[in-house]
N, C-alpha and C. Protein backbone atom coordinates (compact mmCIF):
# COMPACT_ATOMS: atom_id res chain seq x y z
N UNK A 1 28.81 15.13 -1.26
CA UNK A 1 27.62 14.56 -1.88
C UNK A 1 26.40 14.89 -1.02
N UNK A 2 25.34 15.25 -1.67
CA UNK A 2 24.11 15.63 -0.98
C UNK A 2 23.31 14.38 -0.63
N UNK A 3 22.82 14.33 0.58
CA UNK A 3 22.04 13.18 1.02
C UNK A 3 20.66 13.16 0.36
N UNK A 4 20.05 12.00 0.37
CA UNK A 4 18.69 11.86 -0.15
C UNK A 4 17.72 12.77 0.61
N UNK A 5 17.91 12.88 1.93
CA UNK A 5 17.06 13.72 2.76
C UNK A 5 17.13 15.18 2.32
N UNK A 6 18.33 15.65 2.04
CA UNK A 6 18.51 17.05 1.64
C UNK A 6 17.97 17.28 0.23
N UNK A 7 18.22 16.35 -0.68
CA UNK A 7 17.68 16.49 -2.05
C UNK A 7 16.16 16.50 -2.01
N UNK A 8 15.59 15.62 -1.20
CA UNK A 8 14.13 15.59 -1.08
C UNK A 8 13.63 16.94 -0.57
N UNK A 9 14.29 17.50 0.43
CA UNK A 9 13.90 18.80 0.97
C UNK A 9 14.05 19.93 -0.04
N UNK A 10 15.11 19.91 -0.81
CA UNK A 10 15.31 20.94 -1.84
C UNK A 10 14.23 20.85 -2.91
N UNK A 11 13.89 19.62 -3.31
CA UNK A 11 12.80 19.44 -4.29
C UNK A 11 11.47 19.90 -3.71
N UNK A 12 11.22 19.58 -2.46
CA UNK A 12 9.97 20.02 -1.82
C UNK A 12 9.90 21.55 -1.78
N UNK A 13 11.03 22.19 -1.48
CA UNK A 13 11.02 23.65 -1.43
C UNK A 13 10.83 24.24 -2.81
N UNK A 14 11.46 23.66 -3.83
CA UNK A 14 11.25 24.13 -5.19
C UNK A 14 9.76 24.09 -5.52
N UNK A 15 9.13 22.97 -5.21
CA UNK A 15 7.70 22.84 -5.49
C UNK A 15 6.87 23.81 -4.66
N UNK A 16 7.30 24.07 -3.43
CA UNK A 16 6.57 25.02 -2.59
C UNK A 16 6.70 26.45 -3.13
N UNK A 17 7.84 26.76 -3.72
CA UNK A 17 8.02 28.08 -4.34
C UNK A 17 7.07 28.23 -5.53
N UNK A 18 6.90 27.16 -6.32
CA UNK A 18 5.93 27.20 -7.41
C UNK A 18 4.51 27.36 -6.85
N UNK A 19 4.22 26.64 -5.76
CA UNK A 19 2.92 26.79 -5.10
C UNK A 19 2.73 28.24 -4.62
N UNK A 20 3.79 28.84 -4.10
CA UNK A 20 3.72 30.22 -3.63
C UNK A 20 3.30 31.15 -4.76
N UNK A 21 3.86 30.94 -5.94
CA UNK A 21 3.47 31.75 -7.09
C UNK A 21 1.98 31.58 -7.36
N UNK A 22 1.51 30.37 -7.26
CA UNK A 22 0.08 30.07 -7.48
C UNK A 22 -0.78 30.78 -6.43
N UNK A 23 -0.33 30.75 -5.17
CA UNK A 23 -1.06 31.41 -4.09
C UNK A 23 -1.13 32.92 -4.33
N UNK A 24 -0.02 33.51 -4.78
CA UNK A 24 -0.02 34.95 -5.04
C UNK A 24 -0.87 35.31 -6.26
N UNK A 25 -0.98 34.40 -7.21
CA UNK A 25 -1.90 34.65 -8.33
C UNK A 25 -3.34 34.70 -7.83
N UNK A 26 -3.68 33.83 -6.88
CA UNK A 26 -5.02 33.85 -6.29
C UNK A 26 -5.27 35.18 -5.57
N UNK A 27 -4.26 35.68 -4.89
CA UNK A 27 -4.39 36.97 -4.20
C UNK A 27 -4.55 38.10 -5.21
N UNK A 28 -3.79 38.03 -6.31
CA UNK A 28 -3.92 39.03 -7.37
C UNK A 28 -5.32 38.98 -7.97
N UNK A 29 -5.84 37.79 -8.15
CA UNK A 29 -7.18 37.63 -8.74
C UNK A 29 -8.24 38.27 -7.85
N UNK A 30 -8.10 38.10 -6.54
CA UNK A 30 -9.04 38.75 -5.61
C UNK A 30 -8.97 40.26 -5.79
N UNK A 31 -7.76 40.80 -5.81
CA UNK A 31 -7.59 42.25 -5.94
C UNK A 31 -8.15 42.75 -7.27
N UNK A 32 -7.91 42.01 -8.34
CA UNK A 32 -8.45 42.38 -9.65
C UNK A 32 -9.97 42.39 -9.63
N UNK A 33 -10.55 41.39 -9.00
CA UNK A 33 -12.01 41.31 -8.92
C UNK A 33 -12.60 42.48 -8.15
N UNK A 34 -11.81 43.06 -7.25
CA UNK A 34 -12.24 44.21 -6.47
C UNK A 34 -11.85 45.53 -7.15
N UNK A 35 -11.37 45.45 -8.39
CA UNK A 35 -10.91 46.61 -9.17
C UNK A 35 -9.78 47.36 -8.47
N UNK A 36 -8.91 46.61 -7.84
CA UNK A 36 -7.75 47.16 -7.14
C UNK A 36 -6.49 46.74 -7.91
N UNK A 37 -6.31 47.34 -9.07
CA UNK A 37 -5.27 46.91 -9.99
C UNK A 37 -3.86 47.11 -9.45
N UNK A 38 -3.63 48.12 -8.66
CA UNK A 38 -2.30 48.34 -8.07
C UNK A 38 -1.94 47.22 -7.12
N UNK A 39 -2.89 46.84 -6.27
CA UNK A 39 -2.65 45.73 -5.34
C UNK A 39 -2.50 44.42 -6.12
N UNK A 40 -3.31 44.25 -7.17
CA UNK A 40 -3.19 43.06 -8.02
C UNK A 40 -1.79 42.99 -8.62
N UNK A 41 -1.28 44.13 -9.09
CA UNK A 41 0.07 44.17 -9.65
C UNK A 41 1.10 43.72 -8.62
N UNK A 42 0.96 44.19 -7.38
CA UNK A 42 1.89 43.78 -6.32
C UNK A 42 1.97 42.26 -6.25
N UNK A 43 0.82 41.59 -6.26
CA UNK A 43 0.81 40.14 -6.12
C UNK A 43 1.23 39.43 -7.41
N UNK A 44 0.99 40.03 -8.56
CA UNK A 44 1.50 39.45 -9.81
C UNK A 44 3.03 39.48 -9.83
N UNK A 45 3.60 40.59 -9.37
CA UNK A 45 5.06 40.69 -9.27
C UNK A 45 5.57 39.69 -8.24
N UNK A 46 4.84 39.54 -7.14
CA UNK A 46 5.22 38.58 -6.12
C UNK A 46 5.23 37.17 -6.71
N UNK A 47 4.25 36.85 -7.53
CA UNK A 47 4.20 35.54 -8.19
C UNK A 47 5.42 35.34 -9.09
N UNK A 48 5.80 36.39 -9.83
CA UNK A 48 7.00 36.31 -10.68
C UNK A 48 8.24 36.02 -9.85
N UNK A 49 8.35 36.68 -8.71
CA UNK A 49 9.50 36.45 -7.83
C UNK A 49 9.54 35.01 -7.34
N UNK A 50 8.37 34.47 -6.99
CA UNK A 50 8.34 33.10 -6.47
C UNK A 50 8.72 32.09 -7.55
N UNK A 51 8.31 32.33 -8.79
CA UNK A 51 8.73 31.44 -9.88
C UNK A 51 10.25 31.53 -10.08
N UNK A 52 10.79 32.74 -9.95
CA UNK A 52 12.24 32.93 -10.04
C UNK A 52 12.94 32.14 -8.93
N UNK A 53 12.40 32.21 -7.72
CA UNK A 53 12.97 31.47 -6.60
C UNK A 53 12.92 29.97 -6.86
N UNK A 54 11.79 29.50 -7.38
CA UNK A 54 11.65 28.07 -7.69
C UNK A 54 12.71 27.64 -8.69
N UNK A 55 12.96 28.47 -9.69
CA UNK A 55 13.95 28.13 -10.71
C UNK A 55 15.37 28.17 -10.16
N UNK A 56 15.61 28.97 -9.14
CA UNK A 56 16.92 28.94 -8.48
C UNK A 56 17.14 27.57 -7.85
N UNK A 57 16.09 27.03 -7.20
CA UNK A 57 16.19 25.68 -6.64
C UNK A 57 16.38 24.65 -7.75
N UNK A 58 15.59 24.78 -8.82
CA UNK A 58 15.68 23.86 -9.95
C UNK A 58 17.12 23.83 -10.49
N UNK A 59 17.67 25.00 -10.73
CA UNK A 59 19.03 25.08 -11.28
C UNK A 59 20.08 24.56 -10.29
N UNK A 60 19.91 24.86 -9.01
CA UNK A 60 20.87 24.39 -8.01
C UNK A 60 20.86 22.86 -7.95
N UNK A 61 19.69 22.27 -7.90
CA UNK A 61 19.59 20.81 -7.85
C UNK A 61 20.28 20.20 -9.06
N UNK A 62 20.01 20.74 -10.24
CA UNK A 62 20.65 20.24 -11.46
C UNK A 62 22.16 20.46 -11.42
N UNK A 63 22.59 21.64 -10.98
CA UNK A 63 24.02 21.94 -10.91
C UNK A 63 24.75 20.98 -9.96
N UNK A 64 24.05 20.49 -8.96
CA UNK A 64 24.65 19.55 -8.02
C UNK A 64 24.61 18.12 -8.54
N UNK A 65 24.12 17.95 -9.77
CA UNK A 65 24.09 16.62 -10.39
C UNK A 65 22.98 15.73 -9.87
N UNK A 66 21.96 16.35 -9.30
CA UNK A 66 20.85 15.59 -8.73
C UNK A 66 19.61 15.73 -9.59
N UNK A 67 18.59 14.97 -9.27
CA UNK A 67 17.36 14.91 -10.07
C UNK A 67 16.29 15.81 -9.49
N UNK A 68 15.77 16.70 -10.34
CA UNK A 68 14.63 17.55 -9.97
C UNK A 68 13.37 16.71 -10.09
N UNK A 69 12.50 16.84 -9.10
CA UNK A 69 11.22 16.16 -9.12
C UNK A 69 10.12 17.19 -9.02
N UNK A 70 9.31 17.32 -10.08
CA UNK A 70 8.22 18.28 -10.11
C UNK A 70 6.94 17.59 -9.66
N UNK A 71 6.25 18.23 -8.72
CA UNK A 71 5.02 17.67 -8.18
C UNK A 71 3.88 18.67 -8.31
N UNK A 72 2.67 18.21 -8.10
CA UNK A 72 1.52 19.10 -8.09
C UNK A 72 1.42 19.81 -6.76
N UNK A 73 0.45 20.69 -6.65
CA UNK A 73 0.27 21.41 -5.40
C UNK A 73 -1.22 21.62 -5.15
N UNK A 74 -1.56 21.86 -3.90
CA UNK A 74 -2.99 22.03 -3.56
C UNK A 74 -3.54 23.35 -4.09
N UNK A 75 -4.85 23.43 -4.13
CA UNK A 75 -5.52 24.67 -4.52
C UNK A 75 -5.26 25.72 -3.45
N UNK A 76 -4.80 26.90 -3.85
CA UNK A 76 -4.55 27.95 -2.84
C UNK A 76 -5.86 28.56 -2.37
N UNK A 77 -5.77 29.28 -1.29
CA UNK A 77 -6.92 30.02 -0.78
C UNK A 77 -7.35 31.06 -1.81
N UNK A 78 -8.62 31.12 -2.09
CA UNK A 78 -9.17 32.12 -3.01
C UNK A 78 -10.17 33.04 -2.33
N UNK A 79 -10.36 32.86 -1.04
CA UNK A 79 -11.36 33.62 -0.30
C UNK A 79 -10.68 34.62 0.64
N UNK A 80 -10.99 35.88 0.43
CA UNK A 80 -10.43 36.95 1.25
C UNK A 80 -11.55 37.92 1.59
N UNK A 81 -11.41 38.63 2.70
CA UNK A 81 -12.45 39.56 3.13
C UNK A 81 -12.09 41.02 2.86
N UNK A 82 -10.80 41.28 2.61
CA UNK A 82 -10.33 42.65 2.39
C UNK A 82 -8.90 42.62 1.89
N UNK A 83 -8.40 43.75 1.47
CA UNK A 83 -7.00 43.85 1.07
C UNK A 83 -6.11 43.57 2.28
N UNK A 84 -6.49 44.07 3.44
CA UNK A 84 -5.71 43.79 4.64
C UNK A 84 -5.64 42.28 4.89
N UNK A 85 -6.75 41.59 4.74
CA UNK A 85 -6.79 40.14 4.91
C UNK A 85 -5.83 39.46 3.93
N UNK A 86 -5.79 39.93 2.69
CA UNK A 86 -4.90 39.36 1.68
C UNK A 86 -3.44 39.50 2.14
N UNK A 87 -3.07 40.69 2.58
CA UNK A 87 -1.68 40.91 3.00
C UNK A 87 -1.35 40.14 4.28
N UNK A 88 -2.30 40.03 5.18
CA UNK A 88 -2.04 39.24 6.39
C UNK A 88 -1.83 37.77 6.05
N UNK A 89 -2.62 37.26 5.12
CA UNK A 89 -2.43 35.88 4.68
C UNK A 89 -1.11 35.74 3.91
N UNK A 90 -0.73 36.78 3.18
CA UNK A 90 0.56 36.78 2.49
C UNK A 90 1.72 36.72 3.48
N UNK A 91 1.64 37.49 4.56
CA UNK A 91 2.67 37.46 5.59
C UNK A 91 2.73 36.08 6.25
N UNK A 92 1.58 35.52 6.55
CA UNK A 92 1.53 34.17 7.13
C UNK A 92 2.23 33.18 6.19
N UNK A 93 1.96 33.31 4.90
CA UNK A 93 2.58 32.42 3.91
C UNK A 93 4.10 32.61 3.91
N UNK A 94 4.56 33.86 3.93
CA UNK A 94 6.00 34.12 3.93
C UNK A 94 6.67 33.54 5.18
N UNK A 95 5.98 33.59 6.30
CA UNK A 95 6.54 33.01 7.52
C UNK A 95 6.67 31.49 7.38
N UNK A 96 5.75 30.86 6.67
CA UNK A 96 5.86 29.43 6.40
C UNK A 96 7.05 29.15 5.49
N UNK A 97 7.25 29.99 4.48
CA UNK A 97 8.42 29.84 3.61
C UNK A 97 9.70 29.94 4.44
N UNK A 98 9.76 30.92 5.32
CA UNK A 98 10.93 31.09 6.18
C UNK A 98 11.17 29.85 7.02
N UNK A 99 10.11 29.33 7.62
CA UNK A 99 10.22 28.13 8.45
C UNK A 99 10.81 26.98 7.63
N UNK A 100 10.35 26.82 6.41
CA UNK A 100 10.84 25.73 5.54
C UNK A 100 12.30 25.94 5.15
N UNK A 101 12.67 27.17 4.84
CA UNK A 101 14.06 27.46 4.48
C UNK A 101 14.98 27.18 5.67
N UNK A 102 14.56 27.60 6.86
CA UNK A 102 15.36 27.34 8.06
C UNK A 102 15.53 25.83 8.28
N UNK A 103 14.47 25.09 8.06
CA UNK A 103 14.54 23.63 8.23
C UNK A 103 15.56 23.03 7.26
N UNK A 104 15.54 23.50 6.01
CA UNK A 104 16.53 23.04 5.03
C UNK A 104 17.95 23.43 5.44
N UNK A 105 18.09 24.66 5.91
CA UNK A 105 19.41 25.13 6.34
C UNK A 105 19.92 24.30 7.51
N UNK A 106 19.04 23.92 8.42
CA UNK A 106 19.44 23.06 9.54
C UNK A 106 19.94 21.71 9.05
N UNK A 107 19.26 21.14 8.08
CA UNK A 107 19.69 19.85 7.52
C UNK A 107 21.06 20.01 6.87
N UNK A 108 21.23 21.06 6.05
CA UNK A 108 22.51 21.29 5.38
C UNK A 108 23.63 21.50 6.39
N UNK A 109 23.34 22.22 7.46
CA UNK A 109 24.33 22.46 8.50
C UNK A 109 24.70 21.16 9.21
N UNK A 110 23.69 20.37 9.57
CA UNK A 110 23.94 19.09 10.22
C UNK A 110 24.79 18.17 9.35
N UNK A 111 24.57 18.23 8.04
CA UNK A 111 25.29 17.36 7.12
C UNK A 111 26.58 17.98 6.62
N UNK A 112 26.86 19.20 7.08
CA UNK A 112 28.06 19.93 6.67
C UNK A 112 28.14 20.04 5.14
N UNK A 113 26.99 20.30 4.54
CA UNK A 113 26.88 20.43 3.08
C UNK A 113 27.02 21.92 2.76
N UNK A 114 28.26 22.34 2.61
CA UNK A 114 28.60 23.76 2.52
C UNK A 114 28.03 24.46 1.29
N UNK A 115 28.02 23.80 0.16
CA UNK A 115 27.47 24.43 -1.05
C UNK A 115 25.99 24.75 -0.86
N UNK A 116 25.27 23.83 -0.25
CA UNK A 116 23.84 24.05 -0.01
C UNK A 116 23.65 25.14 1.05
N UNK A 117 24.50 25.16 2.06
CA UNK A 117 24.40 26.20 3.08
C UNK A 117 24.60 27.58 2.45
N UNK A 118 25.58 27.70 1.57
CA UNK A 118 25.82 28.97 0.88
C UNK A 118 24.63 29.35 0.02
N UNK A 119 24.11 28.39 -0.71
CA UNK A 119 22.93 28.62 -1.57
C UNK A 119 21.75 29.11 -0.73
N UNK A 120 21.50 28.46 0.38
CA UNK A 120 20.33 28.80 1.21
C UNK A 120 20.48 30.14 1.93
N UNK A 121 21.71 30.59 2.14
CA UNK A 121 21.90 31.90 2.78
C UNK A 121 21.23 33.01 2.00
N UNK A 122 21.24 32.93 0.66
CA UNK A 122 20.55 33.93 -0.16
C UNK A 122 19.07 33.96 0.18
N UNK A 123 18.47 32.79 0.34
CA UNK A 123 17.05 32.71 0.64
C UNK A 123 16.74 33.20 2.06
N UNK A 124 17.64 32.94 2.98
CA UNK A 124 17.44 33.41 4.35
C UNK A 124 17.39 34.94 4.35
N UNK A 125 18.32 35.58 3.66
CA UNK A 125 18.31 37.05 3.55
C UNK A 125 17.06 37.54 2.83
N UNK A 126 16.66 36.84 1.79
CA UNK A 126 15.47 37.20 1.03
C UNK A 126 14.23 37.15 1.90
N UNK A 127 14.15 36.16 2.77
CA UNK A 127 12.97 36.02 3.62
C UNK A 127 12.87 37.14 4.65
N UNK A 128 13.99 37.64 5.12
CA UNK A 128 13.96 38.80 6.02
C UNK A 128 13.30 39.96 5.28
N UNK A 129 13.71 40.19 4.02
CA UNK A 129 13.14 41.28 3.23
C UNK A 129 11.65 41.05 2.95
N UNK A 130 11.28 39.82 2.60
CA UNK A 130 9.89 39.51 2.27
C UNK A 130 8.97 39.76 3.47
N UNK A 131 9.36 39.24 4.62
CA UNK A 131 8.52 39.42 5.81
C UNK A 131 8.45 40.90 6.19
N UNK A 132 9.54 41.61 6.09
CA UNK A 132 9.55 43.04 6.43
C UNK A 132 8.65 43.82 5.47
N UNK A 133 8.68 43.49 4.19
CA UNK A 133 7.83 44.16 3.21
C UNK A 133 6.35 43.95 3.53
N UNK A 134 5.96 42.72 3.75
CA UNK A 134 4.56 42.44 4.06
C UNK A 134 4.14 43.12 5.36
N UNK A 135 5.00 43.04 6.37
CA UNK A 135 4.66 43.67 7.65
C UNK A 135 4.49 45.18 7.49
N UNK A 136 5.37 45.80 6.73
CA UNK A 136 5.29 47.24 6.49
C UNK A 136 3.98 47.61 5.79
N UNK A 137 3.61 46.84 4.78
CA UNK A 137 2.37 47.13 4.06
C UNK A 137 1.15 46.90 4.94
N UNK A 138 1.19 45.90 5.79
CA UNK A 138 0.09 45.66 6.73
C UNK A 138 -0.05 46.84 7.67
N UNK A 139 1.07 47.33 8.19
CA UNK A 139 1.02 48.47 9.11
C UNK A 139 0.47 49.70 8.40
N UNK A 140 0.85 49.92 7.15
CA UNK A 140 0.33 51.05 6.39
C UNK A 140 -1.18 50.91 6.18
N UNK A 141 -1.61 49.71 5.81
CA UNK A 141 -3.04 49.49 5.60
C UNK A 141 -3.84 49.72 6.88
N UNK A 142 -3.29 49.32 8.00
CA UNK A 142 -3.97 49.53 9.28
C UNK A 142 -4.05 51.02 9.61
N UNK A 143 -2.97 51.77 9.33
CA UNK A 143 -2.98 53.21 9.58
C UNK A 143 -3.95 53.93 8.66
N UNK A 144 -4.01 53.48 7.42
CA UNK A 144 -4.89 54.11 6.44
C UNK A 144 -6.34 53.94 6.85
N UNK A 145 -6.70 52.74 7.26
CA UNK A 145 -8.06 52.39 7.68
C UNK A 145 -9.09 52.88 6.66
N UNK A 146 -9.79 53.93 6.94
CA UNK A 146 -10.88 54.41 6.07
C UNK A 146 -10.49 55.62 5.21
N UNK A 147 -9.21 56.01 5.23
CA UNK A 147 -8.75 57.17 4.47
C UNK A 147 -8.61 56.77 3.00
N UNK A 148 -9.62 57.05 2.19
CA UNK A 148 -9.62 56.60 0.80
C UNK A 148 -8.49 57.23 -0.02
N UNK A 149 -8.10 58.45 0.29
CA UNK A 149 -7.00 59.08 -0.44
C UNK A 149 -5.68 58.35 -0.19
N UNK A 150 -5.41 58.02 1.05
CA UNK A 150 -4.19 57.30 1.39
C UNK A 150 -4.21 55.90 0.79
N UNK A 151 -5.37 55.25 0.80
CA UNK A 151 -5.52 53.92 0.21
C UNK A 151 -5.20 53.98 -1.28
N UNK A 152 -5.75 54.98 -1.97
CA UNK A 152 -5.49 55.16 -3.40
C UNK A 152 -4.01 55.41 -3.66
N UNK A 153 -3.36 56.20 -2.82
CA UNK A 153 -1.94 56.49 -3.00
C UNK A 153 -1.10 55.22 -2.85
N UNK A 154 -1.43 54.40 -1.85
CA UNK A 154 -0.70 53.15 -1.65
C UNK A 154 -0.94 52.21 -2.84
N UNK A 155 -2.18 52.13 -3.28
CA UNK A 155 -2.48 51.27 -4.42
C UNK A 155 -1.72 51.74 -5.66
N UNK A 156 -1.67 53.04 -5.88
CA UNK A 156 -0.95 53.61 -7.01
C UNK A 156 0.54 53.29 -6.92
N UNK A 157 1.09 53.40 -5.73
CA UNK A 157 2.51 53.09 -5.51
C UNK A 157 2.80 51.63 -5.84
N UNK A 158 1.94 50.72 -5.39
CA UNK A 158 2.17 49.30 -5.63
C UNK A 158 1.94 48.93 -7.09
N UNK A 159 1.14 49.73 -7.78
CA UNK A 159 0.92 49.50 -9.20
C UNK A 159 2.16 49.73 -10.04
N UNK A 160 3.15 50.41 -9.48
CA UNK A 160 4.39 50.71 -10.20
C UNK A 160 5.47 49.65 -9.95
N UNK A 161 5.18 48.73 -9.06
CA UNK A 161 6.17 47.71 -8.71
C UNK A 161 6.47 46.82 -9.91
N UNK A 162 7.76 46.50 -10.07
CA UNK A 162 8.19 45.60 -11.15
C UNK A 162 9.14 44.57 -10.57
N UNK A 163 9.42 43.57 -11.36
CA UNK A 163 10.37 42.53 -10.95
C UNK A 163 11.43 42.40 -12.03
N UNK A 164 12.69 42.47 -11.62
CA UNK A 164 13.81 42.25 -12.50
C UNK A 164 14.63 41.10 -11.92
N UNK A 165 14.64 39.94 -12.59
CA UNK A 165 15.41 38.81 -12.04
C UNK A 165 16.85 39.20 -11.77
N UNK A 166 17.31 38.81 -10.59
CA UNK A 166 18.68 39.13 -10.20
C UNK A 166 18.82 40.52 -9.62
N UNK A 167 17.78 41.36 -9.76
CA UNK A 167 17.86 42.72 -9.26
C UNK A 167 16.90 42.98 -8.13
N UNK A 168 16.44 41.90 -7.48
CA UNK A 168 15.47 42.10 -6.42
C UNK A 168 16.10 42.70 -5.20
């Protein structure tokens, strides 16, 4: 049986995943306003992934016979100074997600809640990929600097990104 503390944490993480989608929409909106549609697409796909993650929590909580609690979330940051700034803030956000997932995993481990530990392992692996992706794009943006051709190529590449649930 899952403790109240763990259920509360799972619900909080589900809500944070929905907030993450909202934050990535704000990042996409910045990119769109700058006519950077490829970068905007990257963040729109990122938002889709975060909603998918939130629904994984929703379904897990329900499958465990517990009550999902949906809450509101704060207004995300809408102010950015550059595409690099957007990605750096995205990486910072992903590191916060990782911190939260680890905290949940620690609770599940302490409580010997094996089903939850197995469920959270998927997210732990996902966070390694998420942080690596953001870090890689930040490094590319830093190398590109003022090279408009390379910037355009990266934007074009990210414009092709898609999301397929279950196939991430």
